[in-house]
Amino acid sequence: MLARKMMSDFCANIINIVKNSITSKDFIDRHKYSPADFTRKSPLDFATLFTFMINLLRSSNQNELEKFFKQIKGNQMSDLEVTDSAFSQARKKLHYSA
């Protein structure tokens, strides 16, 4: 029981570290190609794009995008809010070092 609690706490700490990193202005500025990248309000902001990319993708990008946004937004999502093309364009702004 103690080991399970310690593992749970460890995982929660890792998640918080990653969350704080990918929402940090300094981290975002270091891992984008241009100062103009990720400045507009978009469903695919830096943190959302990063989170989507670290998921294990099992089907086409469009199917995975629909599942991902349905999961995080529930029924508030409009059909094809984020297209495969939009994902590809956003991915080009993300530096490989991230």
PDB file of N, CA and C in Angstrom:
ATOM      1  N   MET A   1       0.817  -1.184   0.000  1.00  0.00           N
ATOM      2  CA  MET A   1       0.000   0.000   0.000  1.00  0.00           C
ATOM      3  C   MET A   1       0.874   1.266   0.000  1.00  0.00           C
ATOM      4  N   LEU A   2       1.932   1.236   0.801  1.00  0.00           N
ATOM      5  CA  LEU A   2       2.848   2.374   0.866  1.00  0.00           C
ATOM      6  C   LEU A   2       3.550   2.576  -0.479  1.00  0.00           C
ATOM      7  N   ALA A   3       3.963   1.477  -1.096  1.00  0.00           N
ATOM      8  CA  ALA A   3       4.639   1.569  -2.397  1.00  0.00           C
ATOM      9  C   ALA A   3       3.708   2.159  -3.446  1.00  0.00           C
ATOM     10  N   ARG A   4       2.451   1.777  -3.435  1.00  0.00           N
ATOM     11  CA  ARG A   4       1.475   2.309  -4.398  1.00  0.00           C
ATOM     12  C   ARG A   4       1.290   3.813  -4.187  1.00  0.00           C
ATOM     13  N   LYS A   5       1.208   4.235  -2.938  1.00  0.00           N
ATOM     14  CA  LYS A   5       1.063   5.662  -2.621  1.00  0.00           C
ATOM     15  C   LYS A   5       2.295   6.441  -3.073  1.00  0.00           C
ATOM     16  N   MET A   6       3.482   5.880  -2.836  1.00  0.00           N
ATOM     17  CA  MET A   6       4.717   6.551  -3.257  1.00  0.00           C
ATOM     18  C   MET A   6       4.783   6.660  -4.776  1.00  0.00           C
ATOM     19  N   MET A   7       4.388   5.604  -5.479  1.00  0.00           N
ATOM     20  CA  MET A   7       4.391   5.631  -6.943  1.00  0.00           C
ATOM     21  C   MET A   7       3.380   6.646  -7.459  1.00  0.00           C
ATOM     22  N   SER A   8       2.229   6.699  -6.843  1.00  0.00           N
ATOM     23  CA  SER A   8       1.204   7.660  -7.236  1.00  0.00           C
ATOM     24  C   SER A   8       1.703   9.090  -7.035  1.00  0.00           C
ATOM     25  N   ASP A   9       2.339   9.349  -5.899  1.00  0.00           N
ATOM     26  CA  ASP A   9       2.890  10.680  -5.627  1.00  0.00           C
ATOM     27  C   ASP A   9       3.995  11.031  -6.620  1.00  0.00           C
ATOM     28  N   PHE A  10       4.841  10.065  -6.928  1.00  0.00           N
ATOM     29  CA  PHE A  10       5.928  10.270  -7.891  1.00  0.00           C
ATOM     30  C   PHE A  10       5.361  10.637  -9.262  1.00  0.00           C
ATOM     31  N   CYS A  11       4.353   9.895  -9.719  1.00  0.00           N
ATOM     32  CA  CYS A  11       3.739  10.174 -11.024  1.00  0.00           C
ATOM     33  C   CYS A  11       3.073  11.549 -11.031  1.00  0.00           C
ATOM     34  N   ALA A  12       2.412  11.902  -9.948  1.00  0.00           N
ATOM     35  CA  ALA A  12       1.770  13.212  -9.854  1.00  0.00           C
ATOM     36  C   ALA A  12       2.817  14.330  -9.924  1.00  0.00           C
ATOM     37  N   ASN A  13       3.967  14.130  -9.288  1.00  0.00           N
ATOM     38  CA  ASN A  13       5.032  15.129  -9.341  1.00  0.00           C
ATOM     39  C   ASN A  13       5.584  15.279 -10.753  1.00  0.00           C
ATOM     40  N   ILE A  14       5.779  14.169 -11.446  1.00  0.00           N
ATOM     41  CA  ILE A  14       6.278  14.215 -12.835  1.00  0.00           C
ATOM     42  C   ILE A  14       5.288  14.950 -13.723  1.00  0.00           C
ATOM     43  N   ILE A  15       4.007  14.652 -13.569  1.00  0.00           N
ATOM     44  CA  ILE A  15       2.973  15.318 -14.369  1.00  0.00           C
ATOM     45  C   ILE A  15       2.989  16.822 -14.109  1.00  0.00           C
ATOM     46  N   ASN A  16       3.127  17.220 -12.859  1.00  0.00           N
ATOM     47  CA  ASN A  16       3.181  18.651 -12.535  1.00  0.00           C
ATOM     48  C   ASN A  16       4.416  19.326 -13.124  1.00  0.00           C
ATOM     49  N   ILE A  17       5.536  18.654 -13.101  1.00  0.00           N
ATOM     50  CA  ILE A  17       6.762  19.213 -13.683  1.00  0.00           C
ATOM     51  C   ILE A  17       6.587  19.422 -15.186  1.00  0.00           C
ATOM     52  N   VAL A  18       6.045  18.419 -15.872  1.00  0.00           N
ATOM     53  CA  VAL A  18       5.825  18.533 -17.321  1.00  0.00           C
ATOM     54  C   VAL A  18       4.816  19.639 -17.610  1.00  0.00           C
ATOM     55  N   LYS A  19       3.722  19.667 -16.868  1.00  0.00           N
ATOM     56  CA  LYS A  19       2.686  20.683 -17.068  1.00  0.00           C
ATOM     57  C   LYS A  19       3.261  22.086 -16.873  1.00  0.00           C
ATOM     58  N   ASN A  20       4.021  22.276 -15.813  1.00  0.00           N
ATOM     59  CA  ASN A  20       4.630  23.591 -15.573  1.00  0.00           C
ATOM     60  C   ASN A  20       5.632  23.958 -16.656  1.00  0.00           C
ATOM     61  N   SER A  21       6.348  22.971 -17.167  1.00  0.00           N
ATOM     62  CA  SER A  21       7.331  23.242 -18.221  1.00  0.00           C
ATOM     63  C   SER A  21       6.662  23.665 -19.520  1.00  0.00           C
ATOM     64  N   ILE A  22       5.667  22.905 -19.968  1.00  0.00           N
ATOM     65  CA  ILE A  22       5.080  23.183 -21.281  1.00  0.00           C
ATOM     66  C   ILE A  22       4.177  24.403 -21.289  1.00  0.00           C
ATOM     67  N   THR A  23       3.864  24.949 -20.124  1.00  0.00           N
ATOM     68  CA  THR A  23       3.095  26.191 -20.076  1.00  0.00           C
ATOM     69  C   THR A  23       3.971  27.390 -19.722  1.00  0.00           C
ATOM     70  N   SER A  24       5.249  27.142 -19.485  1.00  0.00           N
ATOM     71  CA  SER A  24       6.187  28.205 -19.140  1.00  0.00           C
ATOM     72  C   SER A  24       6.553  29.021 -20.385  1.00  0.00           C
ATOM     73  N   LYS A  25       6.463  30.349 -20.271  1.00  0.00           N
ATOM     74  CA  LYS A  25       6.806  31.227 -21.397  1.00  0.00           C
ATOM     75  C   LYS A  25       8.257  31.019 -21.826  1.00  0.00           C
ATOM     76  N   ASP A  26       9.148  30.844 -20.872  1.00  0.00           N
ATOM     77  CA  ASP A  26      10.560  30.628 -21.183  1.00  0.00           C
ATOM     78  C   ASP A  26      10.753  29.338 -21.993  1.00  0.00           C
ATOM     79  N   PHE A  27      10.099  28.257 -21.580  1.00  0.00           N
ATOM     80  CA  PHE A  27      10.201  26.974 -22.293  1.00  0.00           C
ATOM     81  C   PHE A  27       9.646  27.112 -23.713  1.00  0.00           C
ATOM     82  N   ILE A  28       8.495  27.754 -23.828  1.00  0.00           N
ATOM     83  CA  ILE A  28       7.872  27.933 -25.143  1.00  0.00           C
ATOM     84  C   ILE A  28       8.776  28.760 -26.052  1.00  0.00           C
ATOM     85  N   ASP A  29       9.324  29.850 -25.523  1.00  0.00           N
ATOM     86  CA  ASP A  29      10.205  30.712 -26.329  1.00  0.00           C
ATOM     87  C   ASP A  29      11.453  29.973 -26.803  1.00  0.00           C
ATOM     88  N   ARG A  30      11.979  29.070 -25.991  1.00  0.00           N
ATOM     89  CA  ARG A  30      13.181  28.319 -26.374  1.00  0.00           C
ATOM     90  C   ARG A  30      12.889  27.223 -27.389  1.00  0.00           C
ATOM     91  N   HIS A  31      11.630  26.784 -27.500  1.00  0.00           N
ATOM     92  CA  HIS A  31      11.315  25.621 -28.335  1.00  0.00           C
ATOM     93  C   HIS A  31      10.326  25.926 -29.461  1.00  0.00           C
ATOM     94  N   LYS A  32      10.382  27.128 -29.955  1.00  0.00           N
ATOM     95  CA  LYS A  32       9.623  27.469 -31.155  1.00  0.00           C
ATOM     96  C   LYS A  32      10.589  28.114 -32.133  1.00  0.00           C
ATOM     97  N   TYR A  33      10.244  28.052 -33.415  1.00  0.00           N
ATOM     98  CA  TYR A  33      11.159  28.535 -34.440  1.00  0.00           C
ATOM     99  C   TYR A  33      11.177  30.054 -34.568  1.00  0.00           C
ATOM    100  N   SER A  34      10.035  30.684 -34.451  1.00  0.00           N
ATOM    101  CA  SER A  34       9.937  32.115 -34.696  1.00  0.00           C
ATOM    102  C   SER A  34       9.252  32.798 -33.510  1.00  0.00           C
ATOM    103  N   PRO A  35       9.601  34.050 -33.232  1.00  0.00           N
ATOM    104  CA  PRO A  35       8.906  34.766 -32.153  1.00  0.00           C
ATOM    105  C   PRO A  35       7.405  34.899 -32.401  1.00  0.00           C
ATOM    106  N   ALA A  36       6.987  34.839 -33.665  1.00  0.00           N
ATOM    107  CA  ALA A  36       5.568  34.967 -33.993  1.00  0.00           C
ATOM    108  C   ALA A  36       4.796  33.656 -33.799  1.00  0.00           C
ATOM    109  N   ASP A  37       5.493  32.542 -33.653  1.00  0.00           N
ATOM    110  CA  ASP A  37       4.829  31.243 -33.486  1.00  0.00           C
ATOM    111  C   ASP A  37       4.138  31.156 -32.126  1.00  0.00           C
ATOM    112  N   PHE A  38       2.971  30.537 -32.125  1.00  0.00           N
ATOM    113  CA  PHE A  38       2.165  30.299 -30.920  1.00  0.00           C
ATOM    114  C   PHE A  38       1.781  31.589 -30.191  1.00  0.00           C
ATOM    115  N   THR A  39       1.495  32.648 -30.945  1.00  0.00           N
ATOM    116  CA  THR A  39       1.070  33.899 -30.326  1.00  0.00           C
ATOM    117  C   THR A  39      -0.439  34.108 -30.452  1.00  0.00           C
ATOM    118  N   ARG A  40      -1.069  33.513 -31.458  1.00  0.00           N
ATOM    119  CA  ARG A  40      -2.516  33.648 -31.624  1.00  0.00           C
ATOM    120  C   ARG A  40      -3.255  32.671 -30.725  1.00  0.00           C
ATOM    121  N   LYS A  41      -4.493  33.004 -30.428  1.00  0.00           N
ATOM    122  CA  LYS A  41      -5.353  32.102 -29.668  1.00  0.00           C
ATOM    123  C   LYS A  41      -5.810  31.010 -30.634  1.00  0.00           C
ATOM    124  N   SER A  42      -5.465  29.785 -30.342  1.00  0.00           N
ATOM    125  CA  SER A  42      -5.756  28.668 -31.232  1.00  0.00           C
ATOM    126  C   SER A  42      -6.031  27.419 -30.412  1.00  0.00           C
ATOM    127  N   PRO A  43      -6.869  26.518 -30.944  1.00  0.00           N
ATOM    128  CA  PRO A  43      -7.068  25.246 -30.230  1.00  0.00           C
ATOM    129  C   PRO A  43      -5.761  24.461 -30.104  1.00  0.00           C
ATOM    130  N   LEU A  44      -4.829  24.693 -31.027  1.00  0.00           N
ATOM    131  CA  LEU A  44      -3.546  24.000 -30.983  1.00  0.00           C
ATOM    132  C   LEU A  44      -2.456  24.942 -30.468  1.00  0.00           C
ATOM    133  N   ASP A  45      -2.611  25.389 -29.229  1.00  0.00           N
ATOM    134  CA  ASP A  45      -1.551  26.186 -28.629  1.00  0.00           C
ATOM    135  C   ASP A  45      -0.373  25.265 -28.299  1.00  0.00           C
ATOM    136  N   PHE A  46       0.695  25.824 -27.800  1.00  0.00           N
ATOM    137  CA  PHE A  46       1.920  25.059 -27.567  1.00  0.00           C
ATOM    138  C   PHE A  46       1.676  23.855 -26.656  1.00  0.00           C
ATOM    139  N   ALA A  47       1.042  24.083 -25.514  1.00  0.00           N
ATOM    140  CA  ALA A  47       0.839  23.012 -24.533  1.00  0.00           C
ATOM    141  C   ALA A  47      -0.061  21.908 -25.090  1.00  0.00           C
ATOM    142  N   THR A  48      -1.111  22.283 -25.793  1.00  0.00           N
ATOM    143  CA  THR A  48      -2.024  21.292 -26.354  1.00  0.00           C
ATOM    144  C   THR A  48      -1.335  20.484 -27.443  1.00  0.00           C
ATOM    145  N   LEU A  49      -0.589  21.150 -28.311  1.00  0.00           N
ATOM    146  CA  LEU A  49       0.150  20.458 -29.367  1.00  0.00           C
ATOM    147  C   LEU A  49       1.151  19.481 -28.762  1.00  0.00           C
ATOM    148  N   PHE A  50       1.898  19.937 -27.776  1.00  0.00           N
ATOM    149  CA  PHE A  50       2.897  19.097 -27.120  1.00  0.00           C
ATOM    150  C   PHE A  50       2.230  17.875 -26.479  1.00  0.00           C
ATOM    151  N   THR A  51       1.130  18.106 -25.772  1.00  0.00           N
ATOM    152  CA  THR A  51       0.404  17.013 -25.119  1.00  0.00           C
ATOM    153  C   THR A  51      -0.114  16.008 -26.141  1.00  0.00           C
ATOM    154  N   PHE A  52      -0.658  16.501 -27.241  1.00  0.00           N
ATOM    155  CA  PHE A  52      -1.153  15.604 -28.288  1.00  0.00           C
ATOM    156  C   PHE A  52      -0.020  14.756 -28.853  1.00  0.00           C
ATOM    157  N   MET A  53       1.130  15.384 -29.068  1.00  0.00           N
ATOM    158  CA  MET A  53       2.237  14.666 -29.698  1.00  0.00           C
ATOM    159  C   MET A  53       2.861  13.599 -28.805  1.00  0.00           C
ATOM    160  N   ILE A  54       2.756  13.731 -27.490  1.00  0.00           N
ATOM    161  CA  ILE A  54       3.344  12.708 -26.625  1.00  0.00           C
ATOM    162  C   ILE A  54       2.386  11.553 -26.363  1.00  0.00           C
ATOM    163  N   ASN A  55       1.156  11.652 -26.867  1.00  0.00           N
ATOM    164  CA  ASN A  55       0.220  10.530 -26.776  1.00  0.00           C
ATOM    165  C   ASN A  55       0.639   9.446 -27.757  1.00  0.00           C
ATOM    166  N   LEU A  56       0.268   8.239 -27.440  1.00  0.00           N
ATOM    167  CA  LEU A  56       0.552   7.133 -28.361  1.00  0.00           C
ATOM    168  C   LEU A  56      -0.514   7.125 -29.449  1.00  0.00           C
ATOM    169  N   LEU A  57      -0.123   7.515 -30.651  1.00  0.00           N
ATOM    170  CA  LEU A  57      -1.069   7.573 -31.765  1.00  0.00           C
ATOM    171  C   LEU A  57      -1.222   6.193 -32.367  1.00  0.00           C
ATOM    172  N   ARG A  58      -2.469   5.783 -32.547  1.00  0.00           N
ATOM    173  CA  ARG A  58      -2.733   4.434 -33.052  1.00  0.00           C
ATOM    174  C   ARG A  58      -3.433   4.420 -34.409  1.00  0.00           C
ATOM    175  N   SER A  59      -3.997   5.552 -34.802  1.00  0.00           N
ATOM    176  CA  SER A  59      -4.690   5.591 -36.094  1.00  0.00           C
ATOM    177  C   SER A  59      -4.285   6.869 -36.818  1.00  0.00           C
ATOM    178  N   SER A  60      -5.071   7.275 -37.792  1.00  0.00           N
ATOM    179  CA  SER A  60      -4.715   8.464 -38.575  1.00  0.00           C
ATOM    180  C   SER A  60      -4.696   9.702 -37.681  1.00  0.00           C
ATOM    181  N   ASN A  61      -3.951  10.694 -38.118  1.00  0.00           N
ATOM    182  CA  ASN A  61      -3.874  11.936 -37.342  1.00  0.00           C
ATOM    183  C   ASN A  61      -5.252  12.534 -37.105  1.00  0.00           C
ATOM    184  N   GLN A  62      -6.096  12.553 -38.154  1.00  0.00           N
ATOM    185  CA  GLN A  62      -7.416  13.170 -38.012  1.00  0.00           C
ATOM    186  C   GLN A  62      -8.264  12.429 -36.981  1.00  0.00           C
ATOM    187  N   ASN A  63      -8.249  11.094 -37.020  1.00  0.00           N
ATOM    188  CA  ASN A  63      -9.008  10.325 -36.021  1.00  0.00           C
ATOM    189  C   ASN A  63      -8.482  10.594 -34.619  1.00  0.00           C
ATOM    190  N   GLU A  64      -7.173  10.630 -34.471  1.00  0.00           N
ATOM    191  CA  GLU A  64      -6.571  10.879 -33.165  1.00  0.00           C
ATOM    192  C   GLU A  64      -6.883  12.296 -32.678  1.00  0.00           C
ATOM    193  N   LEU A  65      -6.856  13.284 -33.592  1.00  0.00           N
ATOM    194  CA  LEU A  65      -7.192  14.658 -33.209  1.00  0.00           C
ATOM    195  C   LEU A  65      -8.635  14.746 -32.718  1.00  0.00           C
ATOM    196  N   GLU A  66      -9.539  14.104 -33.427  1.00  0.00           N
ATOM    197  CA  GLU A  66     -10.951  14.126 -33.023  1.00  0.00           C
ATOM    198  C   GLU A  66     -11.135  13.481 -31.655  1.00  0.00           C
ATOM    199  N   LYS A  67     -10.497  12.332 -31.432  1.00  0.00           N
ATOM    200  CA  LYS A  67     -10.599  11.660 -30.127  1.00  0.00           C
ATOM    201  C   LYS A  67      -9.990  12.521 -29.024  1.00  0.00           C
ATOM    202  N   PHE A  68      -8.837  13.094 -29.296  1.00  0.00           N
ATOM    203  CA  PHE A  68      -8.120  13.911 -28.309  1.00  0.00           C
ATOM    204  C   PHE A  68      -8.955  15.109 -27.890  1.00  0.00           C
ATOM    205  N   PHE A  69      -9.468  15.864 -28.870  1.00  0.00           N
ATOM    206  CA  PHE A  69     -10.227  17.062 -28.532  1.00  0.00           C
ATOM    207  C   PHE A  69     -11.584  16.736 -27.930  1.00  0.00           C
ATOM    208  N   LYS A  70     -12.165  15.633 -28.324  1.00  0.00           N
ATOM    209  CA  LYS A  70     -13.413  15.217 -27.692  1.00  0.00           C
ATOM    210  C   LYS A  70     -13.159  14.891 -26.225  1.00  0.00           C
ATOM    211  N   GLN A  71     -12.021  14.284 -25.942  1.00  0.00           N
ATOM    212  CA  GLN A  71     -11.659  13.930 -24.569  1.00  0.00           C
ATOM    213  C   GLN A  71     -11.416  15.167 -23.711  1.00  0.00           C
ATOM    214  N   ILE A  72     -10.711  16.162 -24.254  1.00  0.00           N
ATOM    215  CA  ILE A  72     -10.384  17.323 -23.426  1.00  0.00           C
ATOM    216  C   ILE A  72     -11.476  18.387 -23.414  1.00  0.00           C
ATOM    217  N   LYS A  73     -12.321  18.418 -24.446  1.00  0.00           N
ATOM    218  CA  LYS A  73     -13.363  19.445 -24.495  1.00  0.00           C
ATOM    219  C   LYS A  73     -14.766  18.891 -24.333  1.00  0.00           C
ATOM    220  N   GLY A  74     -14.923  17.589 -24.400  1.00  0.00           N
ATOM    221  CA  GLY A  74     -16.256  17.003 -24.268  1.00  0.00           C
ATOM    222  C   GLY A  74     -17.145  17.378 -25.434  1.00  0.00           C
ATOM    223  N   ASN A  75     -18.396  17.672 -25.156  1.00  0.00           N
ATOM    224  CA  ASN A  75     -19.366  17.976 -26.207  1.00  0.00           C
ATOM    225  C   ASN A  75     -19.276  19.414 -26.697  1.00  0.00           C
ATOM    226  N   GLN A  76     -18.361  20.200 -26.158  1.00  0.00           N
ATOM    227  CA  GLN A  76     -18.224  21.600 -26.567  1.00  0.00           C
ATOM    228  C   GLN A  76     -17.466  21.744 -27.886  1.00  0.00           C
ATOM    229  N   MET A  77     -16.940  20.648 -28.399  1.00  0.00           N
ATOM    230  CA  MET A  77     -16.124  20.700 -29.610  1.00  0.00           C
ATOM    231  C   MET A  77     -17.001  20.651 -30.860  1.00  0.00           C
ATOM    232  N   SER A  78     -16.713  21.530 -31.813  1.00  0.00           N
ATOM    233  CA  SER A  78     -17.414  21.471 -33.088  1.00  0.00           C
ATOM    234  C   SER A  78     -16.714  20.446 -33.983  1.00  0.00           C
ATOM    235  N   ASP A  79     -17.414  19.931 -34.951  1.00  0.00           N
ATOM    236  CA  ASP A  79     -16.828  18.956 -35.869  1.00  0.00           C
ATOM    237  C   ASP A  79     -15.647  19.572 -36.607  1.00  0.00           C
ATOM    238  N   LEU A  80     -14.584  18.796 -36.722  1.00  0.00           N
ATOM    239  CA  LEU A  80     -13.363  19.195 -37.418  1.00  0.00           C
ATOM    240  C   LEU A  80     -12.811  20.540 -36.933  1.00  0.00           C
ATOM    241  N   GLU A  81     -12.830  20.741 -35.619  1.00  0.00           N
ATOM    242  CA  GLU A  81     -12.274  21.967 -35.068  1.00  0.00           C
ATOM    243  C   GLU A  81     -10.792  22.079 -35.402  1.00  0.00           C
ATOM    244  N   VAL A  82     -10.106  20.948 -35.369  1.00  0.00           N
ATOM    245  CA  VAL A  82      -8.685  20.916 -35.706  1.00  0.00           C
ATOM    246  C   VAL A  82      -8.496  19.867 -36.797  1.00  0.00           C
ATOM    247  N   THR A  83      -8.010  20.319 -37.931  1.00  0.00           N
ATOM    248  CA  THR A  83      -7.807  19.401 -39.053  1.00  0.00           C
ATOM    249  C   THR A  83      -6.379  18.868 -39.035  1.00  0.00           C
ATOM    250  N   ASP A  84      -6.169  17.836 -39.816  1.00  0.00           N
ATOM    251  CA  ASP A  84      -4.828  17.276 -39.961  1.00  0.00           C
ATOM    252  C   ASP A  84      -3.872  18.324 -40.518  1.00  0.00           C
ATOM    253  N   SER A  85      -4.364  19.136 -41.428  1.00  0.00           N
ATOM    254  CA  SER A  85      -3.540  20.200 -42.011  1.00  0.00           C
ATOM    255  C   SER A  85      -3.143  21.227 -40.950  1.00  0.00           C
ATOM    256  N   ALA A  86      -4.083  21.617 -40.097  1.00  0.00           N
ATOM    257  CA  ALA A  86      -3.779  22.567 -39.020  1.00  0.00           C
ATOM    258  C   ALA A  86      -2.745  21.977 -38.068  1.00  0.00           C
ATOM    259  N   PHE A  87      -2.878  20.690 -37.777  1.00  0.00           N
ATOM    260  CA  PHE A  87      -1.910  20.013 -36.920  1.00  0.00           C
ATOM    261  C   PHE A  87      -0.520  20.040 -37.563  1.00  0.00           C
ATOM    262  N   SER A  88      -0.439  19.730 -38.851  1.00  0.00           N
ATOM    263  CA  SER A  88       0.846  19.721 -39.548  1.00  0.00           C
ATOM    264  C   SER A  88       1.496  21.100 -39.535  1.00  0.00           C
ATOM    265  N   GLN A  89       0.691  22.135 -39.748  1.00  0.00           N
ATOM    266  CA  GLN A  89       1.226  23.496 -39.734  1.00  0.00           C
ATOM    267  C   GLN A  89       1.725  23.881 -38.345  1.00  0.00           C
ATOM    268  N   ALA A  90       0.978  23.514 -37.311  1.00  0.00           N
ATOM    269  CA  ALA A  90       1.395  23.825 -35.939  1.00  0.00           C
ATOM    270  C   ALA A  90       2.648  23.041 -35.560  1.00  0.00           C
ATOM    271  N   ARG A  91       2.717  21.797 -36.012  1.00  0.00           N
ATOM    272  CA  ARG A  91       3.869  20.950 -35.689  1.00  0.00           C
ATOM    273  C   ARG A  91       5.158  21.535 -36.271  1.00  0.00           C
ATOM    274  N   LYS A  92       5.065  22.199 -37.419  1.00  0.00           N
ATOM    275  CA  LYS A  92       6.234  22.814 -38.046  1.00  0.00           C
ATOM    276  C   LYS A  92       6.793  23.962 -37.202  1.00  0.00           C
ATOM    277  N   LYS A  93       5.972  24.540 -36.331  1.00  0.00           N
ATOM    278  CA  LYS A  93       6.418  25.643 -35.487  1.00  0.00           C
ATOM    279  C   LYS A  93       7.135  25.158 -34.236  1.00  0.00           C
ATOM    280  N   LEU A  94       6.964  23.892 -33.913  1.00  0.00           N
ATOM    281  CA  LEU A  94       7.542  23.312 -32.696  1.00  0.00           C
ATOM    282  C   LEU A  94       8.945  22.799 -32.992  1.00  0.00           C
ATOM    283  N   HIS A  95       9.920  23.332 -32.297  1.00  0.00           N
ATOM    284  CA  HIS A  95      11.304  22.925 -32.496  1.00  0.00           C
ATOM    285  C   HIS A  95      11.506  21.502 -31.964  1.00  0.00           C
ATOM    286  N   TYR A  96      12.330  20.728 -32.627  1.00  0.00           N
ATOM    287  CA  TYR A  96      12.559  19.335 -32.248  1.00  0.00           C
ATOM    288  C   TYR A  96      13.100  19.191 -30.828  1.00  0.00           C
ATOM    289  N   SER A  97      13.753  20.223 -30.331  1.00  0.00           N
ATOM    290  CA  SER A  97      14.367  20.150 -28.996  1.00  0.00           C
ATOM    291  C   SER A  97      13.337  20.051 -27.876  1.00  0.00           C
ATOM    292  N   ALA A  98      12.104  20.432 -28.158  1.00  0.00           N
ATOM    293  CA  ALA A  98      11.051  20.347 -27.129  1.00  0.00           C
ATOM    294  C   ALA A  98      10.843  18.891 -26.775  1.00  0.00           C
TER     295      ALA A  98
END
